Amino acid sequence: MLPGQRVPGEQPPLAVSTCRRKDGVLILTAVGEIDAATVGRFRTELSGACVKGKHVILDLSGVGFLSCAGLQALEEANAASPRFSVIVKTPLVSRILDVSGVGADLDVRWDVEDVSIY
């Protein structure tokens, strides 16, 4: 198997989806790993969401790993979006945000319903 190829039937390393709630909040959901191999796509999706939405919620509940490049993408999105919130439920991602110090500058929440739209 060549580098970068996946085993047939194996899930892609990162899936990203977007939806807009009735109140206009844009929710971007990432599932998988955000690392050097996937950060380009993640950054593209995230920056696109920040341009489209006045309030963006990034749901990282399904993310199992977040690299330094992913942390930088979060910092960029936080600076670009007027309102930016991050949903974190996994202990590893929570710890990465804490240890790196990036989490201190983000609106980190446990659940989408915890995010106030005002």
N, C-alpha and C. Protein backbone atom coordinates (compact mmCIF):
# COMPACT_ATOMS: atom_id res chain seq x y z
N MET A 1 0.85 -1.18 0.00
CA MET A 1 0.00 0.00 0.00
C MET A 1 0.89 1.24 0.00
N LEU A 2 0.54 2.21 -0.81
CA LEU A 2 1.31 3.44 -0.91
C LEU A 2 0.98 4.38 0.24
N PRO A 3 1.94 5.25 0.63
CA PRO A 3 1.66 6.22 1.69
C PRO A 3 0.46 7.08 1.32
N GLY A 4 -0.40 7.34 2.28
CA GLY A 4 -1.58 8.16 2.06
C GLY A 4 -2.80 7.39 1.61
N GLN A 5 -2.60 6.11 1.25
CA GLN A 5 -3.75 5.29 0.85
C GLN A 5 -4.38 4.67 2.08
N ARG A 6 -5.72 4.53 2.01
CA ARG A 6 -6.45 3.93 3.13
C ARG A 6 -6.84 2.51 2.78
N VAL A 7 -7.03 1.72 3.81
CA VAL A 7 -7.54 0.37 3.64
C VAL A 7 -8.98 0.48 3.13
N PRO A 8 -9.37 -0.32 2.13
CA PRO A 8 -10.74 -0.26 1.64
C PRO A 8 -11.74 -0.44 2.78
N GLY A 9 -12.75 0.42 2.80
CA GLY A 9 -13.77 0.38 3.86
C GLY A 9 -13.42 1.20 5.07
N GLU A 10 -12.16 1.66 5.16
CA GLU A 10 -11.74 2.46 6.30
C GLU A 10 -12.35 3.86 6.19
N GLN A 11 -12.76 4.42 7.32
CA GLN A 11 -13.34 5.76 7.35
C GLN A 11 -12.29 6.79 6.96
N PRO A 12 -12.70 7.88 6.27
CA PRO A 12 -11.74 8.95 5.97
C PRO A 12 -11.22 9.55 7.27
N PRO A 13 -9.99 10.09 7.26
CA PRO A 13 -9.41 10.61 8.49
C PRO A 13 -10.14 11.83 9.05
N LEU A 14 -10.87 12.56 8.21
CA LEU A 14 -11.62 13.73 8.69
C LEU A 14 -12.84 13.95 7.80
N ALA A 15 -13.98 14.08 8.45
CA ALA A 15 -15.21 14.44 7.75
C ALA A 15 -15.68 15.77 8.33
N VAL A 16 -16.10 16.69 7.46
CA VAL A 16 -16.56 18.00 7.89
C VAL A 16 -17.90 18.28 7.23
N SER A 17 -18.88 18.68 8.04
CA SER A 17 -20.19 19.03 7.50
C SER A 17 -20.63 20.37 8.08
N THR A 18 -21.51 21.04 7.35
CA THR A 18 -22.00 22.36 7.75
C THR A 18 -23.51 22.39 7.68
N CYS A 19 -24.13 23.05 8.65
CA CYS A 19 -25.57 23.30 8.59
C CYS A 19 -25.85 24.66 9.23
N ARG A 20 -26.96 25.26 8.84
CA ARG A 20 -27.36 26.55 9.40
C ARG A 20 -28.66 26.35 10.16
N ARG A 21 -28.68 26.80 11.42
CA ARG A 21 -29.90 26.73 12.23
C ARG A 21 -30.88 27.81 11.79
N LYS A 22 -32.11 27.69 12.24
CA LYS A 22 -33.15 28.67 11.92
C LYS A 22 -32.79 30.07 12.40
N ASP A 23 -32.02 30.15 13.49
CA ASP A 23 -31.63 31.46 14.03
C ASP A 23 -30.43 32.07 13.31
N GLY A 24 -29.94 31.38 12.26
CA GLY A 24 -28.85 31.91 11.45
C GLY A 24 -27.46 31.46 11.87
N VAL A 25 -27.35 30.78 13.00
CA VAL A 25 -26.05 30.30 13.47
C VAL A 25 -25.57 29.18 12.55
N LEU A 26 -24.32 29.27 12.14
CA LEU A 26 -23.71 28.27 11.27
C LEU A 26 -22.96 27.27 12.14
N ILE A 27 -23.28 25.98 11.98
CA ILE A 27 -22.63 24.93 12.76
C ILE A 27 -21.77 24.09 11.83
N LEU A 28 -20.49 24.03 12.15
CA LEU A 28 -19.53 23.22 11.41
C LEU A 28 -19.16 22.05 12.32
N THR A 29 -19.35 20.82 11.82
CA THR A 29 -19.07 19.63 12.61
C THR A 29 -17.91 18.86 11.99
N ALA A 30 -16.89 18.60 12.80
CA ALA A 30 -15.72 17.84 12.34
C ALA A 30 -15.70 16.50 13.07
N VAL A 31 -15.40 15.45 12.32
CA VAL A 31 -15.30 14.11 12.90
C VAL A 31 -14.04 13.46 12.35
N GLY A 32 -13.19 13.00 13.23
CA GLY A 32 -11.94 12.33 12.82
C GLY A 32 -10.74 12.95 13.49
N GLU A 33 -9.67 13.10 12.73
CA GLU A 33 -8.44 13.66 13.26
C GLU A 33 -8.03 14.90 12.48
N ILE A 34 -7.60 15.93 13.20
CA ILE A 34 -7.12 17.15 12.56
C ILE A 34 -5.61 17.18 12.77
N ASP A 35 -4.89 16.87 11.69
CA ASP A 35 -3.43 16.79 11.75
C ASP A 35 -2.85 17.33 10.45
N ALA A 36 -1.58 17.11 10.21
CA ALA A 36 -0.92 17.66 9.02
C ALA A 36 -1.57 17.18 7.73
N ALA A 37 -2.12 15.98 7.73
CA ALA A 37 -2.73 15.43 6.52
C ALA A 37 -4.11 16.00 6.25
N THR A 38 -4.80 16.48 7.27
CA THR A 38 -6.19 16.93 7.10
C THR A 38 -6.40 18.41 7.37
N VAL A 39 -5.41 19.11 7.89
CA VAL A 39 -5.62 20.49 8.32
C VAL A 39 -5.93 21.42 7.15
N GLY A 40 -5.43 21.12 5.96
CA GLY A 40 -5.72 21.98 4.81
C GLY A 40 -7.21 22.02 4.52
N ARG A 41 -7.81 20.87 4.45
CA ARG A 41 -9.26 20.79 4.22
C ARG A 41 -10.02 21.42 5.39
N PHE A 42 -9.59 21.12 6.61
CA PHE A 42 -10.24 21.68 7.80
C PHE A 42 -10.18 23.20 7.78
N ARG A 43 -9.02 23.75 7.49
CA ARG A 43 -8.85 25.21 7.44
C ARG A 43 -9.74 25.84 6.36
N THR A 44 -9.82 25.20 5.22
CA THR A 44 -10.66 25.70 4.12
C THR A 44 -12.13 25.73 4.53
N GLU A 45 -12.61 24.64 5.11
CA GLU A 45 -14.01 24.57 5.56
C GLU A 45 -14.28 25.59 6.67
N LEU A 46 -13.36 25.70 7.60
CA LEU A 46 -13.54 26.59 8.73
C LEU A 46 -13.51 28.05 8.31
N SER A 47 -12.56 28.42 7.48
CA SER A 47 -12.49 29.82 7.05
C SER A 47 -13.70 30.18 6.18
N GLY A 48 -14.17 29.24 5.36
CA GLY A 48 -15.38 29.47 4.58
C GLY A 48 -16.59 29.70 5.46
N ALA A 49 -16.70 28.94 6.53
CA ALA A 49 -17.82 29.11 7.47
C ALA A 49 -17.74 30.46 8.16
N CYS A 50 -16.54 30.88 8.51
CA CYS A 50 -16.36 32.17 9.21
C CYS A 50 -16.72 33.35 8.30
N VAL A 51 -16.55 33.19 7.00
CA VAL A 51 -16.92 34.24 6.05
C VAL A 51 -18.44 34.30 5.90
N LYS A 52 -19.09 33.12 5.90
CA LYS A 52 -20.53 33.03 5.67
C LYS A 52 -21.37 33.38 6.89
N GLY A 53 -20.87 33.11 8.08
CA GLY A 53 -21.70 33.23 9.27
C GLY A 53 -21.26 34.32 10.22
N LYS A 54 -22.25 35.02 10.78
CA LYS A 54 -21.95 36.01 11.82
C LYS A 54 -21.61 35.32 13.13
N HIS A 55 -22.22 34.15 13.35
CA HIS A 55 -21.93 33.35 14.52
C HIS A 55 -21.66 31.93 14.05
N VAL A 56 -20.47 31.43 14.32
CA VAL A 56 -20.06 30.08 13.92
C VAL A 56 -19.82 29.25 15.16
N ILE A 57 -20.41 28.05 15.16
CA ILE A 57 -20.14 27.07 16.21
C ILE A 57 -19.40 25.92 15.55
N LEU A 58 -18.21 25.61 16.06
CA LEU A 58 -17.42 24.49 15.58
C LEU A 58 -17.57 23.35 16.57
N ASP A 59 -18.18 22.27 16.13
CA ASP A 59 -18.39 21.11 16.99
C ASP A 59 -17.26 20.12 16.78
N LEU A 60 -16.40 20.02 17.79
CA LEU A 60 -15.26 19.09 17.76
C LEU A 60 -15.53 17.84 18.59
N SER A 61 -16.80 17.56 18.90
CA SER A 61 -17.15 16.41 19.74
C SER A 61 -16.66 15.10 19.16
N GLY A 62 -16.59 15.01 17.84
CA GLY A 62 -16.16 13.78 17.19
C GLY A 62 -14.70 13.76 16.77
N VAL A 63 -13.92 14.72 17.28
CA VAL A 63 -12.50 14.80 16.92
C VAL A 63 -11.68 14.08 17.99
N GLY A 64 -10.86 13.15 17.53
CA GLY A 64 -10.03 12.37 18.45
C GLY A 64 -8.62 12.90 18.62
N PHE A 65 -8.19 13.77 17.70
CA PHE A 65 -6.84 14.32 17.78
C PHE A 65 -6.83 15.69 17.14
N LEU A 66 -6.09 16.62 17.74
CA LEU A 66 -5.98 17.99 17.25
C LEU A 66 -4.51 18.39 17.32
N SER A 67 -3.90 18.61 16.15
CA SER A 67 -2.48 18.94 16.10
C SER A 67 -2.26 20.44 16.29
N CYS A 68 -1.00 20.83 16.32
CA CYS A 68 -0.64 22.25 16.41
C CYS A 68 -1.20 23.03 15.21
N ALA A 69 -1.18 22.42 14.04
CA ALA A 69 -1.73 23.08 12.86
C ALA A 69 -3.24 23.30 13.03
N GLY A 70 -3.91 22.36 13.65
CA GLY A 70 -5.34 22.52 13.94
C GLY A 70 -5.58 23.63 14.94
N LEU A 71 -4.72 23.74 15.94
CA LEU A 71 -4.82 24.83 16.92
C LEU A 71 -4.66 26.18 16.24
N GLN A 72 -3.73 26.27 15.31
CA GLN A 72 -3.52 27.52 14.58
C GLN A 72 -4.76 27.88 13.76
N ALA A 73 -5.40 26.89 13.16
CA ALA A 73 -6.62 27.12 12.40
C ALA A 73 -7.74 27.64 13.31
N LEU A 74 -7.80 27.13 14.54
CA LEU A 74 -8.79 27.62 15.50
C LEU A 74 -8.53 29.08 15.86
N GLU A 75 -7.26 29.42 16.07
CA GLU A 75 -6.91 30.80 16.39
C GLU A 75 -7.27 31.74 15.24
N GLU A 76 -7.01 31.31 14.02
CA GLU A 76 -7.34 32.12 12.85
C GLU A 76 -8.84 32.33 12.74
N ALA A 77 -9.61 31.27 12.95
CA ALA A 77 -11.07 31.38 12.87
C ALA A 77 -11.61 32.28 13.97
N ASN A 78 -11.04 32.18 15.15
CA ASN A 78 -11.48 33.02 16.26
C ASN A 78 -11.25 34.50 15.96
N ALA A 79 -10.15 34.80 15.28
CA ALA A 79 -9.84 36.18 14.92
C ALA A 79 -10.72 36.67 13.77
N ALA A 80 -11.13 35.75 12.88
CA ALA A 80 -11.88 36.14 11.69
C ALA A 80 -13.38 36.26 11.91
N SER A 81 -13.91 35.48 12.82
CA SER A 81 -15.36 35.43 13.01
C SER A 81 -15.80 36.38 14.12
N PRO A 82 -16.88 37.13 13.88
CA PRO A 82 -17.39 38.02 14.93
C PRO A 82 -17.80 37.26 16.20
N ARG A 83 -18.39 36.07 16.01
CA ARG A 83 -18.76 35.21 17.14
C ARG A 83 -18.33 33.80 16.79
N PHE A 84 -17.46 33.22 17.61
CA PHE A 84 -16.93 31.89 17.34
C PHE A 84 -16.94 31.08 18.61
N SER A 85 -17.62 29.94 18.59
CA SER A 85 -17.70 29.05 19.75
C SER A 85 -17.24 27.66 19.33
N VAL A 86 -16.66 26.94 20.28
CA VAL A 86 -16.15 25.59 20.01
C VAL A 86 -16.77 24.63 21.02
N ILE A 87 -17.30 23.52 20.49
CA ILE A 87 -17.87 22.47 21.33
C ILE A 87 -16.82 21.38 21.48
N VAL A 88 -16.47 21.06 22.72
CA VAL A 88 -15.45 20.04 23.01
C VAL A 88 -16.00 19.09 24.06
N LYS A 89 -15.97 17.79 23.74
CA LYS A 89 -16.45 16.78 24.68
C LYS A 89 -15.40 15.73 25.01
N THR A 90 -14.37 15.60 24.19
CA THR A 90 -13.38 14.55 24.43
C THR A 90 -12.27 15.07 25.35
N PRO A 91 -11.84 14.24 26.30
CA PRO A 91 -10.79 14.66 27.22
C PRO A 91 -9.48 15.04 26.52
N LEU A 92 -9.11 14.33 25.46
CA LEU A 92 -7.84 14.62 24.79
C LEU A 92 -7.87 16.01 24.14
N VAL A 93 -8.92 16.32 23.39
CA VAL A 93 -8.99 17.63 22.74
C VAL A 93 -9.09 18.74 23.79
N SER A 94 -9.84 18.50 24.84
CA SER A 94 -9.94 19.47 25.93
C SER A 94 -8.57 19.73 26.54
N ARG A 95 -7.82 18.68 26.76
CA ARG A 95 -6.47 18.81 27.34
C ARG A 95 -5.54 19.56 26.39
N ILE A 96 -5.62 19.26 25.10
CA ILE A 96 -4.79 19.95 24.11
C ILE A 96 -5.07 21.45 24.13
N LEU A 97 -6.34 21.82 24.19
CA LEU A 97 -6.71 23.24 24.25
C LEU A 97 -6.19 23.88 25.54
N ASP A 98 -6.28 23.17 26.64
CA ASP A 98 -5.81 23.71 27.93
C ASP A 98 -4.30 23.87 27.97
N VAL A 99 -3.58 22.82 27.62
CA VAL A 99 -2.12 22.83 27.72
C VAL A 99 -1.51 23.85 26.75
N SER A 100 -2.09 23.96 25.56
CA SER A 100 -1.56 24.90 24.56
C SER A 100 -1.87 26.35 24.91
N GLY A 101 -2.89 26.56 25.73
CA GLY A 101 -3.32 27.92 26.06
C GLY A 101 -4.32 28.49 25.06
N VAL A 102 -4.53 27.81 23.95
CA VAL A 102 -5.46 28.29 22.93
C VAL A 102 -6.89 28.34 23.47
N GLY A 103 -7.23 27.39 24.29
CA GLY A 103 -8.58 27.33 24.85
C GLY A 103 -8.95 28.56 25.67
N ALA A 104 -7.97 29.23 26.24
CA ALA A 104 -8.24 30.41 27.06
C ALA A 104 -8.81 31.56 26.24
N ASP A 105 -8.51 31.59 24.95
CA ASP A 105 -8.99 32.66 24.08
C ASP A 105 -10.27 32.29 23.32
N LEU A 106 -10.73 31.06 23.48
CA LEU A 106 -11.91 30.59 22.75
C LEU A 106 -13.13 30.51 23.67
N ASP A 107 -14.29 30.59 23.07
CA ASP A 107 -15.54 30.34 23.79
C ASP A 107 -15.79 28.83 23.69
N VAL A 108 -15.26 28.08 24.66
CA VAL A 108 -15.36 26.62 24.66
C VAL A 108 -16.57 26.20 25.48
N ARG A 109 -17.40 25.37 24.88
CA ARG A 109 -18.62 24.90 25.52
C ARG A 109 -18.71 23.38 25.44
N TRP A 110 -19.59 22.82 26.26
CA TRP A 110 -19.81 21.38 26.29
C TRP A 110 -20.81 20.93 25.24
N ASP A 111 -21.81 21.78 24.94
CA ASP A 111 -22.89 21.38 24.04
C ASP A 111 -23.35 22.57 23.21
N VAL A 112 -23.88 22.31 22.04
CA VAL A 112 -24.36 23.37 21.15
C VAL A 112 -25.43 24.21 21.85
N GLU A 113 -26.28 23.57 22.64
CA GLU A 113 -27.34 24.29 23.36
C GLU A 113 -26.78 25.23 24.43
N ASP A 114 -25.52 25.06 24.81
CA ASP A 114 -24.91 25.93 25.81
C ASP A 114 -24.48 27.28 25.22
N VAL A 115 -24.51 27.40 23.90
CA VAL A 115 -24.03 28.61 23.24
C VAL A 115 -25.17 29.60 23.10
N SER A 116 -24.99 30.77 23.68
CA SER A 116 -25.98 31.83 23.55
C SER A 116 -25.80 32.52 22.21
N ILE A 117 -26.90 32.81 21.53
CA ILE A 117 -26.80 33.48 20.23
C ILE A 117 -26.75 35.00 20.38
N TYR A 118 -26.90 35.49 21.57
CA TYR A 118 -26.90 36.96 21.76
C TYR A 118 -25.67 37.43 22.46
